Amino acid sequence: MRILLIDDDPRYRTLLRHHISCAWPDVDLVSYNPRVRGPLTPGFLAQGFSAVLLDHAWKGGSGLDWLRDFQRREDFAPVVFLSEKDDSPDAVEARAGGAFEVLGKDKIKHSKLNDALKRAADEQAKSQSRWRMSPGAKMAQDFAGCRLKAYRRIDHIAKGSVSDLFLAESAELGGVVALKVTPAIRKETGIDQSMERFLQEFEILRGVQHPNIVRIYDLGVTDDHLYLAMEYFARGDLRKRMSEGLTARQSLAYARDLAYALEAIHEVGIFHRDLKPGNVMLRDDGSIALIDFGLAKHVALKMEVTDKGLIFGTPHYMSPEQGHGKPLDGRSDLYALGVMLFEMLTGKKPFDAENHMAILVHHAKAPIPKLPERLASLQFIVDKLLAKDAADRPPDAASAARLIGDALNALPPPAATVTVPMPVLTSSHADIPAAPLSGAPEAEKSTPSGPAPATAQ
């Protein structure tokens, strides 16, 4: 028995768990706090749950509004609505609105609750059995010609040169995932280079467990395709967040947490080589996660995915050594971090030009630009990270994190009017899995407006 409980009161969740465990001691009760997480992902049907328990109200939200939304989602799991009272107006409306069962919270009894859940679970099992045999299931399980019965397609997010990216629901996980699918191309001389990169991305991420690194759930191989199921990020990427404007404090906090992520991958011999705002995603709690390791290099891997002397990455974020095809180490990623920090603080990239080659020349030869006067106290960090010679940068990501963290701690206390939650190094993931968004690699494009510059706090 797996139940999705949508409610914001931890004490009431504990009470419900007690009631339900009387009948099912091993119940998997998955809590979803609507005030923290916001609405469920559009297209999510809770197929991996026996039933959904929905509270009638929470601060700033209405369970009836959510029930109406669920009723518009064909084949959504049965909803047991927890009304204020058995005969309250919300109970009457919920019954008329399609709730499978309505129970008053004021006099709830575990026998009545568990009977409703048992009937809901039976109905859900029959519904899922019918769905799996339907033509619609076959269509929903088709991902660019690859049929994956463990997933249901919600949306086709992006199509890249070597892979397709889908938003999908996983019944096993009880949540949504980003599903990357690529053809399993083989040549007479071996497997295709794009296939090597796809396999390498999984090999790299499988060995890294860190709160600021995307979570990988599954890798699979069919006769004709490879697929990778990853965490999905409904809030989008750091580029989008930067366009809304960041304070200096927020910019430093993001940069510090990125340095922590780089420390984690560098410790196991991985260099990212394509660090940029589009490869940094935001979770619901405001924390960040580094994604897209398709161009990363693992020093211990036997296969050489890129030829020596070739340039891979995004020119605006390339270190001088990367832009000229020279050997790289972790300090090249720190240079890209410096570019991102400058951009978060000022709203513009430190080096820009009309073509890629000119940008690479600026990285190698142009003076490091100055921050605005109000941010002059942070110039030493930018100078250190953007040093032309890798030997003049911090020796490792841990040192960079300390450098940025010290500057963050030295800032004056934030104003009371700050409303955007700060990113943190660690995060709680007790709620329903929110899964990743990692698109096919694209060149970072500069726009005339750019992200808004940071304010002093």
Protein backbone atom coordinates (compact mmCIF):
# COMPACT_ATOMS: atom_id res chain seq x y z
CA MET A 1 0.00 0.00 0.00
CA ARG A 2 1.43 3.35 -1.06
CA ILE A 3 -0.50 6.52 -0.24
CA LEU A 4 0.17 10.08 -1.39
CA LEU A 5 -0.80 12.48 1.40
CA ILE A 6 -1.25 16.12 0.42
CA ASP A 7 -1.25 18.11 3.64
CA ASP A 8 0.90 20.75 5.36
CA ASP A 9 0.44 19.72 9.02
CA PRO A 10 3.17 17.33 10.25
CA ARG A 11 1.18 16.47 13.38
CA TYR A 12 -1.86 15.43 11.39
CA ARG A 13 0.35 13.40 9.05
CA THR A 14 1.63 11.53 12.10
CA LEU A 15 -1.95 10.87 13.24
CA LEU A 16 -2.94 9.55 9.82
CA ARG A 17 0.10 7.32 9.68
CA HIS A 18 -0.95 5.83 13.02
CA HIS A 19 -4.49 5.16 11.75
CA ILE A 20 -3.38 3.62 8.46
CA SER A 21 -0.62 1.48 9.96
CA CYS A 22 -3.23 -0.30 12.07
CA ALA A 23 -4.32 -2.04 8.86
CA TRP A 24 -1.07 -1.85 6.88
CA PRO A 25 1.99 -1.78 9.19
CA ASP A 26 4.33 -1.38 6.22
CA VAL A 27 2.35 1.38 4.49
CA ASP A 28 4.43 3.73 2.35
CA LEU A 29 2.91 7.10 3.21
CA VAL A 30 4.50 9.75 0.99
CA SER A 31 3.98 13.30 2.24
CA TYR A 32 3.58 16.22 -0.13
CA ASN A 33 3.51 19.68 1.45
CA PRO A 34 1.62 21.91 -0.98
CA ARG A 35 2.82 25.12 0.66
CA VAL A 36 6.45 24.14 0.07
CA ARG A 37 6.19 22.22 -3.20
CA GLY A 38 3.35 24.01 -4.97
CA PRO A 39 0.99 22.25 -7.43
CA LEU A 40 1.70 18.75 -8.66
CA THR A 41 3.45 18.59 -12.01
CA PRO A 42 0.92 18.97 -14.86
CA GLY A 43 0.23 15.56 -16.35
CA PHE A 44 1.14 13.65 -13.19
CA LEU A 45 -1.53 11.00 -12.48
CA ALA A 46 -0.24 9.38 -9.27
CA GLN A 47 -0.18 6.03 -11.06
CA GLY A 48 2.31 4.66 -8.56
CA PHE A 49 -0.06 5.21 -5.63
CA SER A 50 -2.94 3.14 -4.31
CA ALA A 51 -4.83 6.32 -3.38
CA VAL A 52 -4.41 10.04 -2.69
CA LEU A 53 -5.38 11.63 0.63
CA LEU A 54 -6.17 15.32 0.09
CA ASP A 55 -6.67 17.83 2.88
CA HIS A 56 -9.49 20.35 2.45
CA ALA A 57 -7.35 23.45 3.06
CA TRP A 58 -3.97 24.87 4.02
CA LYS A 59 -2.60 28.37 4.33
CA GLY A 60 -3.02 29.99 0.93
CA GLY A 61 -4.54 26.88 -0.70
CA SER A 62 -7.80 25.03 -1.23
CA GLY A 63 -8.13 21.27 -1.46
CA LEU A 64 -11.27 21.70 -3.54
CA ASP A 65 -9.28 23.57 -6.19
CA TRP A 66 -6.80 20.71 -6.27
CA LEU A 67 -9.62 18.16 -6.49
CA ARG A 68 -11.05 19.97 -9.52
CA ASP A 69 -7.61 19.88 -11.13
CA PHE A 70 -7.26 16.15 -10.45
CA GLN A 71 -10.67 15.44 -11.96
CA ARG A 72 -9.52 17.08 -15.19
CA ARG A 73 -6.59 14.63 -15.33
CA GLU A 74 -7.92 11.47 -16.95
CA ASP A 75 -7.09 8.31 -14.98
CA PHE A 76 -5.84 10.19 -11.89
CA ALA A 77 -5.67 7.97 -8.80
CA PRO A 78 -8.74 7.80 -6.50
CA VAL A 79 -8.90 10.78 -4.12
CA VAL A 80 -10.04 10.44 -0.52
CA PHE A 81 -10.96 14.01 0.48
CA LEU A 82 -10.46 15.06 4.10
CA SER A 83 -13.19 17.66 4.68
CA GLU A 84 -13.55 19.91 7.69
CA LYS A 85 -16.57 17.90 8.88
CA ASP A 86 -18.67 15.06 7.46
CA ASP A 87 -21.49 17.46 6.59
CA SER A 88 -19.57 20.72 6.06
CA PRO A 89 -20.02 22.64 2.77
CA ASP A 90 -16.62 21.49 1.49
CA ALA A 91 -17.67 17.86 2.06
CA VAL A 92 -20.82 18.34 0.01
CA GLU A 93 -18.87 20.01 -2.80
CA ALA A 94 -16.14 17.34 -2.76
CA ARG A 95 -18.70 14.54 -3.13
CA ALA A 96 -20.29 16.38 -6.05
CA GLY A 97 -16.85 17.13 -7.48
CA GLY A 98 -15.79 13.52 -7.97
CA ALA A 99 -13.93 12.56 -4.79
CA PHE A 100 -13.83 8.77 -4.37
CA GLU A 101 -14.67 9.20 -0.68
CA VAL A 102 -15.10 12.12 1.72
CA LEU A 103 -14.19 11.88 5.41
CA GLY A 104 -14.57 14.57 8.05
CA LYS A 105 -11.33 15.38 9.85
CA ASP A 106 -13.09 16.22 13.12
CA LYS A 107 -14.26 12.65 13.83
CA ILE A 108 -12.08 10.43 11.69
CA LYS A 109 -11.83 6.76 12.71
CA HIS A 110 -9.16 4.40 11.48
CA SER A 111 -11.68 1.71 10.54
CA LYS A 112 -13.61 4.09 8.29
CA LEU A 113 -10.44 5.61 6.87
CA ASN A 114 -8.86 2.24 6.13
CA ASP A 115 -12.04 0.90 4.58
CA ALA A 116 -12.06 3.88 2.19
CA LEU A 117 -8.40 3.35 1.35
CA LYS A 118 -8.94 -0.37 0.76
CA ARG A 119 -11.78 0.30 -1.68
CA ALA A 120 -9.76 3.07 -3.37
CA ALA A 121 -6.75 0.77 -3.74
CA ASP A 122 -8.91 -1.95 -5.30
CA GLU A 123 -10.36 0.55 -7.76
CA GLN A 124 -6.91 1.86 -8.61
CA ALA A 125 -5.59 -1.66 -9.27
CA LYS A 126 -8.49 -2.36 -11.66
CA SER A 127 -8.04 0.99 -13.37
CA GLN A 128 -4.32 0.46 -13.89
CA SER A 129 -4.91 -3.05 -15.23
CA ARG A 130 -7.39 -1.71 -17.78
CA TRP A 131 -5.01 1.10 -18.73
CA ARG A 132 -2.04 -1.20 -19.30
CA MET A 133 -4.10 -3.20 -21.82
CA SER A 134 -5.37 -0.13 -23.67
CA PRO A 135 -4.05 1.39 -26.94
CA GLY A 136 -3.40 4.61 -24.99
CA ALA A 137 -0.86 2.85 -22.80
CA LYS A 138 1.14 1.73 -25.81
CA MET A 139 1.23 5.31 -27.10
CA ALA A 140 2.13 6.74 -23.69
CA GLN A 141 4.99 4.26 -23.32
CA ASP A 142 6.56 5.25 -26.64
CA PHE A 143 9.64 7.46 -26.31
CA ALA A 144 11.02 8.35 -29.75
CA GLY A 145 10.51 4.79 -30.94
CA CYS A 146 11.65 3.21 -27.68
CA ARG A 147 8.88 1.48 -25.71
CA LEU A 148 9.44 1.70 -21.97
CA LYS A 149 6.67 0.03 -19.97
CA ALA A 150 7.95 1.37 -16.65
CA TYR A 151 7.28 4.98 -17.69
CA ARG A 152 4.37 7.04 -18.99
CA ARG A 153 5.15 9.92 -21.30
CA ILE A 154 3.87 13.32 -20.15
CA ASP A 155 5.69 15.66 -22.51
CA HIS A 156 8.48 15.81 -25.08
CA ILE A 157 10.72 18.48 -23.57
CA ALA A 158 13.51 18.77 -26.11
CA LYS A 159 15.15 17.11 -29.08
CA GLY A 160 18.93 17.29 -29.37
CA SER A 161 21.33 16.13 -32.02
CA VAL A 162 21.84 12.72 -30.38
CA SER A 163 19.03 12.33 -27.84
CA ASP A 164 15.45 13.20 -26.93
CA LEU A 165 14.38 14.45 -23.53
CA PHE A 166 10.97 13.59 -22.09
CA LEU A 167 9.03 14.38 -18.96
CA ALA A 168 7.67 11.05 -17.74
CA GLU A 169 5.91 9.52 -14.77
CA SER A 170 7.45 6.56 -13.01
CA ALA A 171 5.01 4.38 -11.10
CA GLU A 172 7.88 2.72 -9.27
CA LEU A 173 9.26 6.03 -7.99
CA GLY A 174 5.84 7.57 -7.48
CA GLY A 175 6.96 10.76 -9.19
CA VAL A 176 8.08 12.42 -12.38
CA VAL A 177 11.47 12.06 -14.02
CA ALA A 178 13.36 13.53 -16.92
CA LEU A 179 13.96 10.67 -19.33
CA LYS A 180 16.79 11.00 -21.83
CA VAL A 181 16.61 8.54 -24.74
CA THR A 182 19.19 8.00 -27.49
CA PRO A 183 19.50 5.47 -30.32
CA ALA A 184 21.95 2.64 -29.63
CA ILE A 185 24.11 3.26 -32.70
CA ARG A 186 26.86 0.76 -33.38
CA LYS A 187 29.54 0.88 -36.02
CA GLU A 188 31.86 -1.76 -37.40
CA THR A 189 34.67 -0.27 -35.32
CA GLY A 190 32.61 -0.24 -32.12
CA ILE A 191 29.85 1.87 -30.56
CA ASP A 192 29.12 5.40 -31.71
CA GLN A 193 30.84 8.31 -29.94
CA SER A 194 27.50 9.87 -28.92
CA MET A 195 26.56 6.52 -27.36
CA GLU A 196 29.87 6.51 -25.51
CA ARG A 197 29.12 9.93 -24.09
CA PHE A 198 25.66 8.80 -23.02
CA LEU A 199 27.09 5.78 -21.19
CA GLN A 200 29.86 7.90 -19.72
CA GLU A 201 27.34 10.34 -18.24
CA PHE A 202 25.71 7.52 -16.31
CA GLU A 203 29.06 6.00 -15.29
CA ILE A 204 30.15 9.39 -13.93
CA LEU A 205 26.98 10.20 -12.02
CA ARG A 206 26.44 6.73 -10.60
CA GLY A 207 29.45 7.16 -8.36
CA VAL A 208 28.59 10.64 -7.05
CA GLN A 209 26.06 11.19 -4.27
CA HIS A 210 25.83 14.85 -3.31
CA PRO A 211 22.91 17.22 -2.59
CA ASN A 212 24.12 19.61 -5.30
CA ILE A 213 24.44 16.95 -8.03
CA VAL A 214 21.50 15.70 -10.11
CA ARG A 215 20.11 12.35 -8.98
CA ILE A 216 20.15 9.44 -11.40
CA TYR A 217 17.39 6.88 -10.96
CA ASP A 218 17.78 4.38 -13.78
CA LEU A 219 19.79 3.39 -16.86
CA GLY A 220 18.45 0.91 -19.33
CA VAL A 221 19.27 -0.63 -22.69
CA THR A 222 16.75 -1.96 -25.22
CA ASP A 223 17.50 -3.53 -28.60
CA ASP A 224 17.65 -0.12 -30.27
CA HIS A 225 17.94 2.53 -27.56
CA LEU A 226 19.58 3.64 -24.34
CA TYR A 227 17.67 5.59 -21.72
CA LEU A 228 18.58 7.50 -18.59
CA ALA A 229 16.02 8.52 -15.93
CA MET A 230 17.03 11.55 -13.92
CA GLU A 231 15.69 14.06 -11.43
CA TYR A 232 13.26 16.63 -12.84
CA PHE A 233 13.43 20.30 -11.90
CA ALA A 234 10.12 22.11 -12.29
CA ARG A 235 11.64 25.48 -11.34
CA GLY A 236 13.99 25.47 -14.30
CA ASP A 237 17.61 26.51 -14.51
CA LEU A 238 19.83 29.17 -12.99
CA ARG A 239 19.67 31.24 -16.19
CA LYS A 240 15.96 31.76 -15.59
CA ARG A 241 16.59 32.64 -11.94
CA MET A 242 19.31 35.12 -12.90
CA SER A 243 16.92 36.93 -15.25
CA GLU A 244 14.80 37.77 -12.19
CA GLY A 245 17.74 39.47 -10.46
CA LEU A 246 19.95 38.26 -7.63
CA THR A 247 21.39 39.99 -4.61
CA ALA A 248 25.11 39.74 -3.90
CA ARG A 249 24.28 37.39 -1.03
CA GLN A 250 22.26 35.09 -3.28
CA SER A 251 24.95 35.17 -5.97
CA LEU A 252 27.65 34.17 -3.50
CA ALA A 253 25.47 31.44 -1.99
CA TYR A 254 24.84 29.90 -5.40
CA ALA A 255 28.53 30.14 -6.28
CA ARG A 256 29.54 28.55 -2.96
CA ASP A 257 27.17 25.61 -3.44
CA LEU A 258 28.43 25.15 -6.99
CA ALA A 259 31.95 25.01 -5.60
CA TYR A 260 30.78 22.29 -3.21
CA ALA A 261 29.35 20.36 -6.18
CA LEU A 262 32.62 20.75 -8.09
CA GLU A 263 34.53 19.56 -5.04
CA ALA A 264 32.42 16.38 -5.01
CA ILE A 265 33.05 15.52 -8.66
CA HIS A 266 36.72 16.57 -8.63
CA GLU A 267 37.37 14.28 -5.65
CA VAL A 268 36.42 11.28 -7.80
CA GLY A 269 38.41 12.50 -10.78
CA ILE A 270 35.66 14.18 -12.82
CA PHE A 271 36.01 17.52 -14.61
CA HIS A 272 32.70 18.97 -15.80
CA ARG A 273 34.06 21.09 -18.70
CA ASP A 274 30.70 22.71 -19.50
CA LEU A 275 29.73 24.62 -16.36
CA LYS A 276 27.19 27.36 -17.22
CA PRO A 277 23.85 28.65 -15.87
CA GLY A 278 21.89 26.35 -18.19
CA ASN A 279 23.53 23.34 -16.53
CA VAL A 280 22.57 24.37 -13.00
CA MET A 281 19.00 23.57 -11.95
CA LEU A 282 16.83 24.75 -9.07
CA ARG A 283 14.91 22.41 -6.77
CA ASP A 284 11.64 23.31 -5.08
CA ASP A 285 13.43 24.15 -1.83
CA GLY A 286 15.74 26.67 -3.55
CA SER A 287 18.83 24.46 -3.54
CA ILE A 288 20.76 23.90 -6.77
CA ALA A 289 21.92 20.81 -8.63
CA LEU A 290 24.61 20.49 -11.28
CA ILE A 291 23.51 18.56 -14.38
CA ASP A 292 24.61 17.53 -17.87
CA PHE A 293 27.84 15.58 -17.67
CA GLY A 294 27.81 14.70 -21.36
CA LEU A 295 31.08 16.59 -21.91
CA ALA A 296 32.61 15.71 -18.56
CA LYS A 297 35.88 13.82 -18.44
CA HIS A 298 36.70 11.13 -15.90
CA VAL A 299 40.42 10.67 -15.55
CA ALA A 300 39.96 6.98 -14.71
CA LEU A 301 37.78 6.07 -17.68
CA LYS A 302 39.54 4.06 -20.34
CA MET A 303 37.68 5.49 -23.30
CA GLU A 304 38.78 8.83 -24.65
CA VAL A 305 35.58 10.55 -25.71
CA THR A 306 37.14 13.70 -27.16
CA ASP A 307 40.23 13.89 -29.30
CA LYS A 308 43.21 15.87 -28.12
CA GLY A 309 43.27 19.41 -29.41
CA LEU A 310 39.52 19.56 -30.06
CA ILE A 311 37.50 22.21 -28.21
CA PHE A 312 34.27 21.24 -26.45
CA GLY A 313 32.17 23.44 -24.22
CA THR A 314 30.51 26.87 -24.32
CA PRO A 315 32.88 29.73 -25.31
CA HIS A 316 31.54 32.32 -22.84
CA TYR A 317 32.45 30.00 -19.94
CA MET A 318 35.69 28.43 -21.19
CA SER A 319 38.96 28.86 -19.38
CA PRO A 320 41.93 30.10 -21.45
CA GLU A 321 43.43 26.61 -21.45
CA GLN A 322 40.15 24.94 -22.49
CA GLY A 323 39.59 27.47 -25.26
CA HIS A 324 42.97 26.65 -26.75
CA GLY A 325 42.70 22.86 -26.48
CA LYS A 326 45.30 22.50 -23.72
CA PRO A 327 45.26 19.89 -20.94
CA LEU A 328 42.69 20.59 -18.24
CA ASP A 329 42.21 19.95 -14.55
CA GLY A 330 39.65 21.02 -11.96
CA ARG A 331 40.85 24.62 -12.01
CA SER A 332 39.31 25.03 -15.46
CA ASP A 333 35.88 24.44 -13.88
CA LEU A 334 36.74 27.07 -11.26
CA TYR A 335 37.34 29.59 -14.05
CA ALA A 336 33.84 28.86 -15.42
CA LEU A 337 32.53 29.35 -11.88
CA GLY A 338 34.18 32.76 -11.84
CA VAL A 339 32.47 33.69 -15.11
CA MET A 340 29.12 32.68 -13.63
CA LEU A 341 29.74 34.61 -10.41
CA PHE A 342 30.60 37.77 -12.37
CA GLU A 343 27.45 37.33 -14.46
CA MET A 344 25.26 36.77 -11.38
CA LEU A 345 26.66 39.90 -9.74
CA THR A 346 26.55 42.24 -12.74
CA GLY A 347 23.95 40.85 -15.12
CA LYS A 348 26.47 40.49 -17.94
CA LYS A 349 29.27 38.16 -18.95
CA PRO A 350 32.86 39.29 -18.29
CA PHE A 351 33.95 38.69 -21.89
CA ASP A 352 31.82 39.02 -25.00
CA ALA A 353 32.43 39.49 -28.71
CA GLU A 354 30.75 38.99 -32.08
CA ASN A 355 32.13 35.48 -32.65
CA HIS A 356 33.32 32.53 -30.63
CA MET A 357 36.99 32.81 -31.53
CA ALA A 358 37.10 36.44 -30.41
CA ILE A 359 35.54 35.43 -27.08
CA LEU A 360 38.23 32.80 -26.58
CA VAL A 361 40.92 35.39 -27.29
CA HIS A 362 39.39 37.71 -24.68
CA HIS A 363 39.48 34.91 -22.11
CA ALA A 364 43.18 34.45 -22.78
CA LYS A 365 44.34 38.07 -23.13
CA ALA A 366 41.79 40.69 -22.06
CA PRO A 367 42.05 42.21 -18.56
CA ILE A 368 39.62 40.93 -15.96
CA PRO A 369 36.72 43.44 -15.85
CA LYS A 370 35.91 45.35 -12.70
CA LEU A 371 32.77 44.93 -10.65
CA PRO A 372 30.60 47.99 -9.98
CA GLU A 373 31.80 50.15 -7.10
CA ARG A 374 29.07 48.86 -4.77
CA LEU A 375 30.50 45.34 -5.20
CA ALA A 376 34.19 46.29 -5.13
CA SER A 377 34.76 44.27 -1.94
CA LEU A 378 34.12 41.10 -3.98
CA GLN A 379 36.59 41.91 -6.76
CA PHE A 380 39.32 39.79 -5.20
CA ILE A 381 37.18 36.66 -5.61
CA VAL A 382 36.50 37.38 -9.28
CA ASP A 383 40.20 38.11 -9.87
CA LYS A 384 41.19 34.85 -8.21
CA LEU A 385 38.72 32.66 -10.10
CA LEU A 386 39.30 34.37 -13.46
CA ALA A 387 43.09 34.31 -13.30
CA LYS A 388 44.52 33.64 -16.78
CA ASP A 389 47.05 31.17 -15.40
CA ALA A 390 45.46 28.17 -13.68
CA ALA A 391 48.28 28.27 -11.11
CA ASP A 392 46.97 31.63 -9.86
CA ARG A 393 43.46 30.31 -9.19
CA PRO A 394 42.40 28.50 -6.00
CA PRO A 395 44.18 25.12 -5.94
CA ASP A 396 40.92 23.18 -5.68
CA ALA A 397 37.17 23.55 -5.38
CA ALA A 398 37.22 23.21 -1.60
CA SER A 399 39.49 26.26 -1.39
CA ALA A 400 37.18 28.15 -3.75
CA ALA A 401 34.17 27.26 -1.57
CA ARG A 402 35.95 28.57 1.53
CA LEU A 403 36.96 31.76 -0.28
CA ILE A 404 33.40 32.43 -1.42
CA GLY A 405 31.91 31.34 1.91
CA ASP A 406 34.13 33.73 3.85
CA ALA A 407 33.03 36.59 1.61
CA LEU A 408 29.41 35.57 2.07
CA ASN A 409 29.76 35.54 5.85
CA ALA A 410 31.40 38.97 5.77
CA LEU A 411 28.41 40.62 4.08
CA PRO A 412 26.11 42.76 6.24
CA PRO A 413 22.94 40.99 7.43
CA PRO A 414 20.29 40.81 4.70
CA ALA A 415 17.46 43.32 4.70
CA ALA A 416 14.18 42.16 6.19
CA THR A 417 12.45 42.64 2.85
CA VAL A 418 14.28 39.78 1.13
CA THR A 419 11.60 37.39 -0.12
CA VAL A 420 13.44 34.88 -2.32
CA PRO A 421 14.66 31.82 -0.32
CA MET A 422 18.40 31.37 -0.31
CA PRO A 423 19.93 28.20 -1.73
CA VAL A 424 21.43 25.87 0.86
CA LEU A 425 24.01 23.13 0.69
CA THR A 426 21.77 20.43 2.08
CA SER A 427 18.10 19.87 1.46
CA SER A 428 15.28 17.65 2.67
CA HIS A 429 13.73 15.29 0.20
CA ALA A 430 11.10 13.58 2.32
CA ASP A 431 8.37 14.62 -0.08
CA ILE A 432 7.42 12.94 -3.36
CA PRO A 433 10.46 12.74 -5.66
CA ALA A 434 10.83 15.77 -7.86
CA ALA A 435 12.86 14.66 -10.79
CA PRO A 436 15.43 16.29 -13.04
CA LEU A 437 15.51 18.36 -16.13
CA SER A 438 18.59 18.01 -18.23
CA GLY A 439 18.30 19.01 -21.82
CA ALA A 440 20.47 18.16 -24.77
CA PRO A 441 23.58 20.36 -24.76
CA GLU A 442 23.06 23.70 -26.46
CA ALA A 443 25.33 26.62 -27.09
CA GLU A 444 24.79 29.35 -24.49
CA LYS A 445 23.30 32.36 -26.28
CA SER A 446 23.84 35.91 -25.11
CA THR A 447 20.76 38.14 -25.13
CA PRO A 448 20.79 41.94 -25.25
CA SER A 449 18.93 42.29 -21.96
CA GLY A 450 20.73 39.61 -19.94
CA PRO A 451 20.09 38.78 -16.30
CA ALA A 452 19.43 41.62 -13.92
CA PRO A 453 22.50 42.80 -11.98
CA ALA A 454 22.93 41.96 -8.32
CA THR A 455 22.04 44.44 -5.63
CA ALA A 456 24.38 45.07 -2.75
CA GLN A 457 22.70 42.61 -0.39
